[in-house]
Amino acid sequence: MSETAQDALETAAEELRVRAGLGNETNLAGRGAGDDEPDLIEIVRYRLELLPTEISDVSIAASLARIGAQSEARGRWLAAFGSPLGKHLAARGSDLNTAINAVLALAPRGRA
């Protein structure tokens, strides 16, 4: 995984910990924590009902990194729509607006 993707995942994991009121002992980025704790990719898969055979973890991570690179709401939405994950959701016939909004809620926030 690229350094940018890893940074985006770590940022997203931290935001999820804060939203959930969890301490640093919970590792949602999947690094150094117990195996039974969910990572961000698992959370995205669960929220969007994605099977591992449908889209790779690398594609999900790349999508989150692409979205996380945007600081403006419009840029984040466009990045999500054009990402590998967004393209997969569109091809699958999902309710794209709802799915993209779920992705945006989970993706790291871009820095202005």
PDB file of N, CA and C in Angstrom:
ATOM      1  N   MET A   1       0.850  -1.168   0.000  1.00  0.00           N
ATOM      2  CA  MET A   1       0.000   0.000   0.000  1.00  0.00           C
ATOM      3  C   MET A   1       0.897   1.232   0.000  1.00  0.00           C
ATOM      4  N   SER A   2       0.512   2.238  -0.767  1.00  0.00           N
ATOM      5  CA  SER A   2       1.328   3.449  -0.853  1.00  0.00           C
ATOM      6  C   SER A   2       1.286   4.212   0.472  1.00  0.00           C
ATOM      7  N   GLU A   3       2.267   5.066   0.658  1.00  0.00           N
ATOM      8  CA  GLU A   3       2.333   5.858   1.875  1.00  0.00           C
ATOM      9  C   GLU A   3       1.125   6.784   1.994  1.00  0.00           C
ATOM     10  N   THR A   4       0.681   7.351   0.863  1.00  0.00           N
ATOM     11  CA  THR A   4      -0.496   8.226   0.866  1.00  0.00           C
ATOM     12  C   THR A   4      -1.740   7.457   1.290  1.00  0.00           C
ATOM     13  N   ALA A   5      -1.910   6.254   0.754  1.00  0.00           N
ATOM     14  CA  ALA A   5      -3.072   5.434   1.121  1.00  0.00           C
ATOM     15  C   ALA A   5      -3.018   5.076   2.597  1.00  0.00           C
ATOM     16  N   GLN A   6      -1.838   4.702   3.095  1.00  0.00           N
ATOM     17  CA  GLN A   6      -1.700   4.350   4.506  1.00  0.00           C
ATOM     18  C   GLN A   6      -1.990   5.554   5.392  1.00  0.00           C
ATOM     19  N   ASP A   7      -1.473   6.730   5.012  1.00  0.00           N
ATOM     20  CA  ASP A   7      -1.758   7.948   5.780  1.00  0.00           C
ATOM     21  C   ASP A   7      -3.257   8.237   5.807  1.00  0.00           C
ATOM     22  N   ALA A   8      -3.912   8.068   4.654  1.00  0.00           N
ATOM     23  CA  ALA A   8      -5.350   8.305   4.589  1.00  0.00           C
ATOM     24  C   ALA A   8      -6.105   7.336   5.479  1.00  0.00           C
ATOM     25  N   LEU A   9      -5.692   6.078   5.479  1.00  0.00           N
ATOM     26  CA  LEU A   9      -6.352   5.085   6.334  1.00  0.00           C
ATOM     27  C   LEU A   9      -6.146   5.404   7.804  1.00  0.00           C
ATOM     28  N   GLU A  10      -4.939   5.813   8.164  1.00  0.00           N
ATOM     29  CA  GLU A  10      -4.676   6.153   9.560  1.00  0.00           C
ATOM     30  C   GLU A  10      -5.491   7.366   9.996  1.00  0.00           C
ATOM     31  N   THR A  11      -5.604   8.369   9.135  1.00  0.00           N
ATOM     32  CA  THR A  11      -6.410   9.549   9.444  1.00  0.00           C
ATOM     33  C   THR A  11      -7.873   9.169   9.608  1.00  0.00           C
ATOM     34  N   ALA A  12      -8.379   8.344   8.689  1.00  0.00           N
ATOM     35  CA  ALA A  12      -9.769   7.906   8.767  1.00  0.00           C
ATOM     36  C   ALA A  12     -10.015   7.091  10.021  1.00  0.00           C
ATOM     37  N   ALA A  13      -9.068   6.228  10.357  1.00  0.00           N
ATOM     38  CA  ALA A  13      -9.212   5.408  11.555  1.00  0.00           C
ATOM     39  C   ALA A  13      -9.278   6.282  12.801  1.00  0.00           C
ATOM     40  N   GLU A  14      -8.441   7.299  12.858  1.00  0.00           N
ATOM     41  CA  GLU A  14      -8.454   8.206  14.004  1.00  0.00           C
ATOM     42  C   GLU A  14      -9.790   8.944  14.106  1.00  0.00           C
ATOM     43  N   GLU A  15     -10.315   9.403  12.968  1.00  0.00           N
ATOM     44  CA  GLU A  15     -11.608  10.086  12.983  1.00  0.00           C
ATOM     45  C   GLU A  15     -12.719   9.151  13.453  1.00  0.00           C
ATOM     46  N   LEU A  16     -12.670   7.900  13.017  1.00  0.00           N
ATOM     47  CA  LEU A  16     -13.673   6.930  13.457  1.00  0.00           C
ATOM     48  C   LEU A  16     -13.556   6.657  14.949  1.00  0.00           C
ATOM     49  N   ARG A  17     -12.321   6.569  15.464  1.00  0.00           N
ATOM     50  CA  ARG A  17     -12.136   6.369  16.904  1.00  0.00           C
ATOM     51  C   ARG A  17     -12.743   7.522  17.686  1.00  0.00           C
ATOM     52  N   VAL A  18     -12.497   8.752  17.215  1.00  0.00           N
ATOM     53  CA  VAL A  18     -13.025   9.934  17.901  1.00  0.00           C
ATOM     54  C   VAL A  18     -14.549   9.921  17.868  1.00  0.00           C
ATOM     55  N   ARG A  19     -15.145   9.650  16.686  1.00  0.00           N
ATOM     56  CA  ARG A  19     -16.605   9.610  16.566  1.00  0.00           C
ATOM     57  C   ARG A  19     -17.216   8.543  17.455  1.00  0.00           C
ATOM     58  N   ALA A  20     -16.523   7.414  17.572  1.00  0.00           N
ATOM     59  CA  ALA A  20     -17.053   6.303  18.366  1.00  0.00           C
ATOM     60  C   ALA A  20     -16.711   6.429  19.839  1.00  0.00           C
ATOM     61  N   GLY A  21     -15.885   7.407  20.199  1.00  0.00           N
ATOM     62  CA  GLY A  21     -15.490   7.591  21.585  1.00  0.00           C
ATOM     63  C   GLY A  21     -14.531   6.514  22.056  1.00  0.00           C
ATOM     64  N   LEU A  22     -13.743   5.961  21.156  1.00  0.00           N
ATOM     65  CA  LEU A  22     -12.812   4.894  21.501  1.00  0.00           C
ATOM     66  C   LEU A  22     -11.446   5.466  21.823  1.00  0.00           C
ATOM     67  N   GLY A  23     -10.708   4.768  22.668  1.00  0.00           N
ATOM     68  CA  GLY A  23      -9.344   5.161  22.993  1.00  0.00           C
ATOM     69  C   GLY A  23      -8.377   4.676  21.935  1.00  0.00           C
ATOM     70  N   ASN A  24      -7.130   5.007  22.095  1.00  0.00           N
ATOM     71  CA  ASN A  24      -6.104   4.623  21.130  1.00  0.00           C
ATOM     72  C   ASN A  24      -5.838   3.132  21.095  1.00  0.00           C
ATOM     73  N   GLU A  25      -6.326   2.388  22.100  1.00  0.00           N
ATOM     74  CA  GLU A  25      -6.071   0.955  22.095  1.00  0.00           C
ATOM     75  C   GLU A  25      -6.840   0.235  20.993  1.00  0.00           C
ATOM     76  N   THR A  26      -7.892   0.865  20.453  1.00  0.00           N
ATOM     77  CA  THR A  26      -8.636   0.270  19.354  1.00  0.00           C
ATOM     78  C   THR A  26      -8.016   0.741  18.052  1.00  0.00           C
ATOM     79  N   ASN A  27      -7.637  -0.206  17.206  1.00  0.00           N
ATOM     80  CA  ASN A  27      -6.933   0.128  15.978  1.00  0.00           C
ATOM     81  C   ASN A  27      -7.805  -0.197  14.777  1.00  0.00           C
ATOM     82  N   LEU A  28      -8.505   0.788  14.243  1.00  0.00           N
ATOM     83  CA  LEU A  28      -9.381   0.568  13.098  1.00  0.00           C
ATOM     84  C   LEU A  28      -8.613   0.549  11.786  1.00  0.00           C
ATOM     85  N   ALA A  29      -7.355   0.908  11.808  1.00  0.00           N
ATOM     86  CA  ALA A  29      -6.542   0.831  10.587  1.00  0.00           C
ATOM     87  C   ALA A  29      -5.940  -0.554  10.422  1.00  0.00           C
ATOM     88  N   GLY A  30      -6.151  -1.433  11.391  1.00  0.00           N
ATOM     89  CA  GLY A  30      -5.688  -2.807  11.276  1.00  0.00           C
ATOM     90  C   GLY A  30      -4.213  -3.000  11.552  1.00  0.00           C
ATOM     91  N   ARG A  31      -3.586  -2.118  12.294  1.00  0.00           N
ATOM     92  CA  ARG A  31      -2.158  -2.227  12.561  1.00  0.00           C
ATOM     93  C   ARG A  31      -1.916  -2.426  14.042  1.00  0.00           C
ATOM     94  N   GLY A  32      -1.404  -3.599  14.412  1.00  0.00           N
ATOM     95  CA  GLY A  32      -0.979  -3.851  15.777  1.00  0.00           C
ATOM     96  C   GLY A  32      -2.084  -4.145  16.757  1.00  0.00           C
ATOM     97  N   ALA A  33      -3.303  -4.262  16.318  1.00  0.00           N
ATOM     98  CA  ALA A  33      -4.408  -4.515  17.230  1.00  0.00           C
ATOM     99  C   ALA A  33      -4.766  -5.989  17.194  1.00  0.00           C
ATOM    100  N   GLY A  34      -5.681  -6.376  18.070  1.00  0.00           N
ATOM    101  CA  GLY A  34      -6.166  -7.747  18.072  1.00  0.00           C
ATOM    102  C   GLY A  34      -6.892  -8.070  16.779  1.00  0.00           C
ATOM    103  N   ASP A  35      -6.876  -9.332  16.406  1.00  0.00           N
ATOM    104  CA  ASP A  35      -7.471  -9.735  15.128  1.00  0.00           C
ATOM    105  C   ASP A  35      -8.978  -9.558  15.081  1.00  0.00           C
ATOM    106  N   ASP A  36      -9.640  -9.481  16.223  1.00  0.00           N
ATOM    107  CA  ASP A  36     -11.089  -9.382  16.216  1.00  0.00           C
ATOM    108  C   ASP A  36     -11.598  -7.947  16.145  1.00  0.00           C
ATOM    109  N   GLU A  37     -10.713  -6.970  16.032  1.00  0.00           N
ATOM    110  CA  GLU A  37     -11.130  -5.581  15.887  1.00  0.00           C
ATOM    111  C   GLU A  37     -11.230  -5.247  14.403  1.00  0.00           C
ATOM    112  N   PRO A  38     -12.294  -4.560  13.987  1.00  0.00           N
ATOM    113  CA  PRO A  38     -12.466  -4.265  12.557  1.00  0.00           C
ATOM    114  C   PRO A  38     -11.490  -3.209  12.070  1.00  0.00           C
ATOM    115  N   ASP A  39     -11.063  -3.337  10.811  1.00  0.00           N
ATOM    116  CA  ASP A  39     -10.269  -2.268  10.210  1.00  0.00           C
ATOM    117  C   ASP A  39     -11.182  -1.451   9.307  1.00  0.00           C
ATOM    118  N   LEU A  40     -10.686  -0.350   8.802  1.00  0.00           N
ATOM    119  CA  LEU A  40     -11.506   0.569   8.015  1.00  0.00           C
ATOM    120  C   LEU A  40     -12.063  -0.098   6.767  1.00  0.00           C
ATOM    121  N   ILE A  41     -11.265  -0.921   6.130  1.00  0.00           N
ATOM    122  CA  ILE A  41     -11.738  -1.599   4.917  1.00  0.00           C
ATOM    123  C   ILE A  41     -12.897  -2.542   5.259  1.00  0.00           C
ATOM    124  N   GLU A  42     -12.796  -3.248   6.383  1.00  0.00           N
ATOM    125  CA  GLU A  42     -13.898  -4.117   6.811  1.00  0.00           C
ATOM    126  C   GLU A  42     -15.158  -3.313   7.095  1.00  0.00           C
ATOM    127  N   ILE A  43     -14.990  -2.140   7.664  1.00  0.00           N
ATOM    128  CA  ILE A  43     -16.141  -1.276   7.958  1.00  0.00           C
ATOM    129  C   ILE A  43     -16.808  -0.834   6.653  1.00  0.00           C
ATOM    130  N   VAL A  44     -15.989  -0.428   5.675  1.00  0.00           N
ATOM    131  CA  VAL A  44     -16.533  -0.032   4.370  1.00  0.00           C
ATOM    132  C   VAL A  44     -17.260  -1.213   3.736  1.00  0.00           C
ATOM    133  N   ARG A  45     -16.641  -2.384   3.761  1.00  0.00           N
ATOM    134  CA  ARG A  45     -17.281  -3.579   3.197  1.00  0.00           C
ATOM    135  C   ARG A  45     -18.632  -3.857   3.866  1.00  0.00           C
ATOM    136  N   TYR A  46     -18.650  -3.752   5.191  1.00  0.00           N
ATOM    137  CA  TYR A  46     -19.887  -4.010   5.936  1.00  0.00           C
ATOM    138  C   TYR A  46     -20.969  -2.989   5.586  1.00  0.00           C
ATOM    139  N   ARG A  47     -20.613  -1.704   5.625  1.00  0.00           N
ATOM    140  CA  ARG A  47     -21.596  -0.642   5.370  1.00  0.00           C
ATOM    141  C   ARG A  47     -22.169  -0.706   3.962  1.00  0.00           C
ATOM    142  N   LEU A  48     -21.330  -1.114   2.990  1.00  0.00           N
ATOM    143  CA  LEU A  48     -21.755  -1.134   1.587  1.00  0.00           C
ATOM    144  C   LEU A  48     -22.091  -2.539   1.093  1.00  0.00           C
ATOM    145  N   GLU A  49     -22.045  -3.508   2.005  1.00  0.00           N
ATOM    146  CA  GLU A  49     -22.355  -4.899   1.675  1.00  0.00           C
ATOM    147  C   GLU A  49     -21.521  -5.386   0.492  1.00  0.00           C
ATOM    148  N   LEU A  50     -20.207  -5.231   0.605  1.00  0.00           N
ATOM    149  CA  LEU A  50     -19.272  -5.627  -0.443  1.00  0.00           C
ATOM    150  C   LEU A  50     -18.572  -6.920  -0.062  1.00  0.00           C
ATOM    151  N   LEU A  51     -18.549  -7.859  -0.970  1.00  0.00           N
ATOM    152  CA  LEU A  51     -17.827  -9.104  -0.763  1.00  0.00           C
ATOM    153  C   LEU A  51     -16.382  -8.935  -1.228  1.00  0.00           C
ATOM    154  N   PRO A  52     -15.442  -9.653  -0.614  1.00  0.00           N
ATOM    155  CA  PRO A  52     -14.043  -9.572  -1.051  1.00  0.00           C
ATOM    156  C   PRO A  52     -13.851  -9.968  -2.518  1.00  0.00           C
ATOM    157  N   THR A  53     -14.739 -10.775  -3.050  1.00  0.00           N
ATOM    158  CA  THR A  53     -14.617 -11.170  -4.456  1.00  0.00           C
ATOM    159  C   THR A  53     -15.087 -10.076  -5.406  1.00  0.00           C
ATOM    160  N   GLU A  54     -15.801  -9.079  -4.895  1.00  0.00           N
ATOM    161  CA  GLU A  54     -16.325  -7.998  -5.740  1.00  0.00           C
ATOM    162  C   GLU A  54     -15.291  -6.919  -6.031  1.00  0.00           C
ATOM    163  N   ILE A  55     -14.551  -6.518  -5.012  1.00  0.00           N
ATOM    164  CA  ILE A  55     -13.582  -5.426  -5.129  1.00  0.00           C
ATOM    165  C   ILE A  55     -12.477  -5.671  -4.114  1.00  0.00           C
ATOM    166  N   SER A  56     -11.249  -5.396  -4.506  1.00  0.00           N
ATOM    167  CA  SER A  56     -10.102  -5.702  -3.644  1.00  0.00           C
ATOM    168  C   SER A  56      -9.940  -4.671  -2.525  1.00  0.00           C
ATOM    169  N   ASP A  57      -9.245  -5.085  -1.478  1.00  0.00           N
ATOM    170  CA  ASP A  57      -8.912  -4.177  -0.382  1.00  0.00           C
ATOM    171  C   ASP A  57      -8.058  -3.023  -0.892  1.00  0.00           C
ATOM    172  N   VAL A  58      -7.180  -3.304  -1.831  1.00  0.00           N
ATOM    173  CA  VAL A  58      -6.314  -2.264  -2.400  1.00  0.00           C
ATOM    174  C   VAL A  58      -7.157  -1.197  -3.104  1.00  0.00           C
ATOM    175  N   SER A  59      -8.190  -1.628  -3.835  1.00  0.00           N
ATOM    176  CA  SER A  59      -9.065  -0.668  -4.519  1.00  0.00           C
ATOM    177  C   SER A  59      -9.834   0.187  -3.521  1.00  0.00           C
ATOM    178  N   ILE A  60     -10.274  -0.428  -2.439  1.00  0.00           N
ATOM    179  CA  ILE A  60     -10.985   0.342  -1.406  1.00  0.00           C
ATOM    180  C   ILE A  60     -10.029   1.338  -0.762  1.00  0.00           C
ATOM    181  N   ALA A  61      -8.823   0.891  -0.416  1.00  0.00           N
ATOM    182  CA  ALA A  61      -7.835   1.791   0.197  1.00  0.00           C
ATOM    183  C   ALA A  61      -7.471   2.931  -0.745  1.00  0.00           C
ATOM    184  N   ALA A  62      -7.294   2.609  -2.033  1.00  0.00           N
ATOM    185  CA  ALA A  62      -6.969   3.655  -3.014  1.00  0.00           C
ATOM    186  C   ALA A  62      -8.108   4.658  -3.125  1.00  0.00           C
ATOM    187  N   SER A  63      -9.330   4.169  -3.071  1.00  0.00           N
ATOM    188  CA  SER A  63     -10.492   5.056  -3.140  1.00  0.00           C
ATOM    189  C   SER A  63     -10.538   5.986  -1.941  1.00  0.00           C
ATOM    190  N   LEU A  64     -10.314   5.435  -0.746  1.00  0.00           N
ATOM    191  CA  LEU A  64     -10.321   6.257   0.463  1.00  0.00           C
ATOM    192  C   LEU A  64      -9.199   7.292   0.432  1.00  0.00           C
ATOM    193  N   ALA A  65      -8.040   6.900  -0.093  1.00  0.00           N
ATOM    194  CA  ALA A  65      -6.922   7.845  -0.199  1.00  0.00           C
ATOM    195  C   ALA A  65      -7.251   8.956  -1.188  1.00  0.00           C
ATOM    196  N   ARG A  66      -7.867   8.606  -2.297  1.00  0.00           N
ATOM    197  CA  ARG A  66      -8.241   9.597  -3.322  1.00  0.00           C
ATOM    198  C   ARG A  66      -9.245  10.595  -2.751  1.00  0.00           C
ATOM    199  N   ILE A  67     -10.212  10.091  -2.020  1.00  0.00           N
ATOM    200  CA  ILE A  67     -11.217  10.958  -1.403  1.00  0.00           C
ATOM    201  C   ILE A  67     -10.564  11.823  -0.331  1.00  0.00           C
ATOM    202  N   GLY A  68      -9.692  11.216   0.473  1.00  0.00           N
ATOM    203  CA  GLY A  68      -9.032  11.932   1.563  1.00  0.00           C
ATOM    204  C   GLY A  68      -8.122  13.044   1.104  1.00  0.00           C
ATOM    205  N   ALA A  69      -7.701  13.001  -0.143  1.00  0.00           N
ATOM    206  CA  ALA A  69      -6.823  14.051  -0.673  1.00  0.00           C
ATOM    207  C   ALA A  69      -7.585  15.336  -0.975  1.00  0.00           C
ATOM    208  N   GLN A  70      -8.896  15.278  -0.966  1.00  0.00           N
ATOM    209  CA  GLN A  70      -9.736  16.443  -1.294  1.00  0.00           C
ATOM    210  C   GLN A  70     -10.206  17.133  -0.016  1.00  0.00           C
ATOM    211  N   SER A  71     -10.156  18.443   0.000  1.00  0.00           N
ATOM    212  CA  SER A  71     -10.597  19.190   1.180  1.00  0.00           C
ATOM    213  C   SER A  71     -11.998  19.780   1.013  1.00  0.00           C
ATOM    214  N   GLU A  72     -12.429  20.001  -0.193  1.00  0.00           N
ATOM    215  CA  GLU A  72     -13.744  20.597  -0.453  1.00  0.00           C
ATOM    216  C   GLU A  72     -14.803  19.496  -0.618  1.00  0.00           C
ATOM    217  N   ALA A  73     -16.016  19.767  -0.193  1.00  0.00           N
ATOM    218  CA  ALA A  73     -17.092  18.778  -0.273  1.00  0.00           C
ATOM    219  C   ALA A  73     -17.337  18.311  -1.707  1.00  0.00           C
ATOM    220  N   ARG A  74     -17.359  19.243  -2.649  1.00  0.00           N
ATOM    221  CA  ARG A  74     -17.597  18.871  -4.047  1.00  0.00           C
ATOM    222  C   ARG A  74     -16.467  17.999  -4.587  1.00  0.00           C
ATOM    223  N   GLY A  75     -15.246  18.349  -4.258  1.00  0.00           N
ATOM    224  CA  GLY A  75     -14.091  17.565  -4.685  1.00  0.00           C
ATOM    225  C   GLY A  75     -14.105  16.172  -4.095  1.00  0.00           C
ATOM    226  N   ARG A  76     -14.524  16.051  -2.826  1.00  0.00           N
ATOM    227  CA  ARG A  76     -14.621  14.744  -2.180  1.00  0.00           C
ATOM    228  C   ARG A  76     -15.677  13.886  -2.872  1.00  0.00           C
ATOM    229  N   TRP A  77     -16.822  14.488  -3.207  1.00  0.00           N
ATOM    230  CA  TRP A  77     -17.886  13.727  -3.862  1.00  0.00           C
ATOM    231  C   TRP A  77     -17.425  13.273  -5.241  1.00  0.00           C
ATOM    232  N   LEU A  78     -16.814  14.174  -6.003  1.00  0.00           N
ATOM    233  CA  LEU A  78     -16.323  13.815  -7.335  1.00  0.00           C
ATOM    234  C   LEU A  78     -15.235  12.745  -7.264  1.00  0.00           C
ATOM    235  N   ALA A  79     -14.349  12.855  -6.274  1.00  0.00           N
ATOM    236  CA  ALA A  79     -13.307  11.839  -6.102  1.00  0.00           C
ATOM    237  C   ALA A  79     -13.930  10.496  -5.757  1.00  0.00           C
ATOM    238  N   ALA A  80     -14.936  10.499  -4.897  1.00  0.00           N
ATOM    239  CA  ALA A  80     -15.610   9.249  -4.533  1.00  0.00           C
ATOM    240  C   ALA A  80     -16.302   8.640  -5.746  1.00  0.00           C
ATOM    241  N   PHE A  81     -16.982   9.466  -6.513  1.00  0.00           N
ATOM    242  CA  PHE A  81     -17.695   8.989  -7.690  1.00  0.00           C
ATOM    243  C   PHE A  81     -16.734   8.398  -8.723  1.00  0.00           C
ATOM    244  N   GLY A  82     -15.577   9.030  -8.916  1.00  0.00           N
ATOM    245  CA  GLY A  82     -14.619   8.574  -9.907  1.00  0.00           C
ATOM    246  C   GLY A  82     -13.628   7.538  -9.409  1.00  0.00           C
ATOM    247  N   SER A  83     -13.698   7.209  -8.138  1.00  0.00           N
ATOM    248  CA  SER A  83     -12.763   6.241  -7.565  1.00  0.00           C
ATOM    249  C   SER A  83     -13.111   4.820  -8.000  1.00  0.00           C
ATOM    250  N   PRO A  84     -12.167   3.893  -7.819  1.00  0.00           N
ATOM    251  CA  PRO A  84     -12.486   2.495  -8.134  1.00  0.00           C
ATOM    252  C   PRO A  84     -13.719   1.993  -7.382  1.00  0.00           C
ATOM    253  N   LEU A  85     -13.862   2.408  -6.135  1.00  0.00           N
ATOM    254  CA  LEU A  85     -15.027   1.997  -5.350  1.00  0.00           C
ATOM    255  C   LEU A  85     -16.308   2.596  -5.918  1.00  0.00           C
ATOM    256  N   GLY A  86     -16.284   3.874  -6.253  1.00  0.00           N
ATOM    257  CA  GLY A  86     -17.456   4.521  -6.845  1.00  0.00           C
ATOM    258  C   GLY A  86     -17.855   3.880  -8.162  1.00  0.00           C
ATOM    259  N   LYS A  87     -16.855   3.577  -8.996  1.00  0.00           N
ATOM    260  CA  LYS A  87     -17.140   2.930 -10.278  1.00  0.00           C
ATOM    261  C   LYS A  87     -17.730   1.536 -10.070  1.00  0.00           C
ATOM    262  N   HIS A  88     -17.225   0.823  -9.075  1.00  0.00           N
ATOM    263  CA  HIS A  88     -17.761  -0.503  -8.779  1.00  0.00           C
ATOM    264  C   HIS A  88     -19.219  -0.402  -8.323  1.00  0.00           C
ATOM    265  N   LEU A  89     -19.494   0.548  -7.444  1.00  0.00           N
ATOM    266  CA  LEU A  89     -20.864   0.717  -6.945  1.00  0.00           C
ATOM    267  C   LEU A  89     -21.816   1.090  -8.074  1.00  0.00           C
ATOM    268  N   ALA A  90     -21.359   1.934  -8.991  1.00  0.00           N
ATOM    269  CA  ALA A  90     -22.192   2.321 -10.135  1.00  0.00           C
ATOM    270  C   ALA A  90     -22.465   1.115 -11.028  1.00  0.00           C
ATOM    271  N   ALA A  91     -21.429   0.317 -11.293  1.00  0.00           N
ATOM    272  CA  ALA A  91     -21.600  -0.860 -12.146  1.00  0.00           C
ATOM    273  C   ALA A  91     -22.495  -1.908 -11.490  1.00  0.00           C
ATOM    274  N   ARG A  92     -22.480  -1.957 -10.184  1.00  0.00           N
ATOM    275  CA  ARG A  92     -23.278  -2.923  -9.421  1.00  0.00           C
ATOM    276  C   ARG A  92     -24.756  -2.541  -9.419  1.00  0.00           C
ATOM    277  N   GLY A  93     -25.032  -1.288  -9.716  1.00  0.00           N
ATOM    278  CA  GLY A  93     -26.414  -0.830  -9.730  1.00  0.00           C
ATOM    279  C   GLY A  93     -26.914  -0.390  -8.363  1.00  0.00           C
ATOM    280  N   SER A  94     -25.997  -0.043  -7.484  1.00  0.00           N
ATOM    281  CA  SER A  94     -26.364   0.423  -6.143  1.00  0.00           C
ATOM    282  C   SER A  94     -27.029   1.792  -6.213  1.00  0.00           C
ATOM    283  N   ASP A  95     -27.737   2.151  -5.154  1.00  0.00           N
ATOM    284  CA  ASP A  95     -28.214   3.524  -5.004  1.00  0.00           C
ATOM    285  C   ASP A  95     -26.956   4.357  -4.797  1.00  0.00           C
ATOM    286  N   LEU A  96     -26.462   4.934  -5.877  1.00  0.00           N
ATOM    287  CA  LEU A  96     -25.152   5.565  -5.869  1.00  0.00           C
ATOM    288  C   LEU A  96     -25.063   6.743  -4.906  1.00  0.00           C
ATOM    289  N   ASN A  97     -26.084   7.565  -4.828  1.00  0.00           N
ATOM    290  CA  ASN A  97     -26.039   8.716  -3.932  1.00  0.00           C
ATOM    291  C   ASN A  97     -25.894   8.267  -2.483  1.00  0.00           C
ATOM    292  N   THR A  98     -26.696   7.310  -2.064  1.00  0.00           N
ATOM    293  CA  THR A  98     -26.616   6.809  -0.692  1.00  0.00           C
ATOM    294  C   THR A  98     -25.272   6.145  -0.434  1.00  0.00           C
ATOM    295  N   ALA A  99     -24.811   5.333  -1.386  1.00  0.00           N
ATOM    296  CA  ALA A  99     -23.537   4.635  -1.223  1.00  0.00           C
ATOM    297  C   ALA A  99     -22.369   5.615  -1.149  1.00  0.00           C
ATOM    298  N   ILE A 100     -22.355   6.607  -2.026  1.00  0.00           N
ATOM    299  CA  ILE A 100     -21.274   7.600  -2.023  1.00  0.00           C
ATOM    300  C   ILE A 100     -21.285   8.385  -0.716  1.00  0.00           C
ATOM    301  N   ASN A 101     -22.461   8.741  -0.228  1.00  0.00           N
ATOM    302  CA  ASN A 101     -22.537   9.457   1.044  1.00  0.00           C
ATOM    303  C   ASN A 101     -22.008   8.602   2.191  1.00  0.00           C
ATOM    304  N   ALA A 102     -22.249   7.293   2.166  1.00  0.00           N
ATOM    305  CA  ALA A 102     -21.704   6.396   3.184  1.00  0.00           C
ATOM    306  C   ALA A 102     -20.180   6.366   3.097  1.00  0.00           C
ATOM    307  N   VAL A 103     -19.653   6.316   1.880  1.00  0.00           N
ATOM    308  CA  VAL A 103     -18.193   6.328   1.685  1.00  0.00           C
ATOM    309  C   VAL A 103     -17.613   7.640   2.206  1.00  0.00           C
ATOM    310  N   LEU A 104     -18.258   8.743   1.885  1.00  0.00           N
ATOM    311  CA  LEU A 104     -17.762  10.050   2.330  1.00  0.00           C
ATOM    312  C   LEU A 104     -17.756  10.161   3.851  1.00  0.00           C
ATOM    313  N   ALA A 105     -18.724   9.554   4.502  1.00  0.00           N
ATOM    314  CA  ALA A 105     -18.775   9.594   5.958  1.00  0.00           C
ATOM    315  C   ALA A 105     -17.616   8.817   6.583  1.00  0.00           C
ATOM    316  N   LEU A 106     -17.152   7.788   5.896  1.00  0.00           N
ATOM    317  CA  LEU A 106     -16.068   6.954   6.419  1.00  0.00           C
ATOM    318  C   LEU A 106     -14.684   7.424   5.998  1.00  0.00           C
ATOM    319  N   ALA A 107     -14.602   8.107   4.862  1.00  0.00           N
ATOM    320  CA  ALA A 107     -13.296   8.515   4.308  1.00  0.00           C
ATOM    321  C   ALA A 107     -12.678   9.614   5.153  1.00  0.00           C
ATOM    322  N   PRO A 108     -11.362   9.658   5.158  1.00  0.00           N
ATOM    323  CA  PRO A 108     -10.673  10.723   5.899  1.00  0.00           C
ATOM    324  C   PRO A 108     -10.984  12.085   5.304  1.00  0.00           C
ATOM    325  N   ARG A 109     -10.898  13.094   6.118  1.00  0.00           N
ATOM    326  CA  ARG A 109     -11.128  14.472   5.661  1.00  0.00           C
ATOM    327  C   ARG A 109      -9.856  15.036   5.050  1.00  0.00           C
ATOM    328  N   GLY A 110     -10.000  15.712   3.920  1.00  0.00           N
ATOM    329  CA  GLY A 110      -8.864  16.369   3.288  1.00  0.00           C
ATOM    330  C   GLY A 110      -8.448  17.584   4.086  1.00  0.00           C
ATOM    331  N   ARG A 111      -7.227  17.968   3.912  1.00  0.00           N
ATOM    332  CA  ARG A 111      -6.711  19.146   4.624  1.00  0.00           C
ATOM    333  C   ARG A 111      -6.675  20.324   3.668  1.00  0.00           C
ATOM    334  N   ALA A 112      -7.215  21.429   4.124  1.00  0.00           N
ATOM    335  CA  ALA A 112      -7.268  22.647   3.287  1.00  0.00           C
ATOM    336  C   ALA A 112      -5.941  23.328   3.205  1.00  0.00           C
TER     337      ALA A 112
END
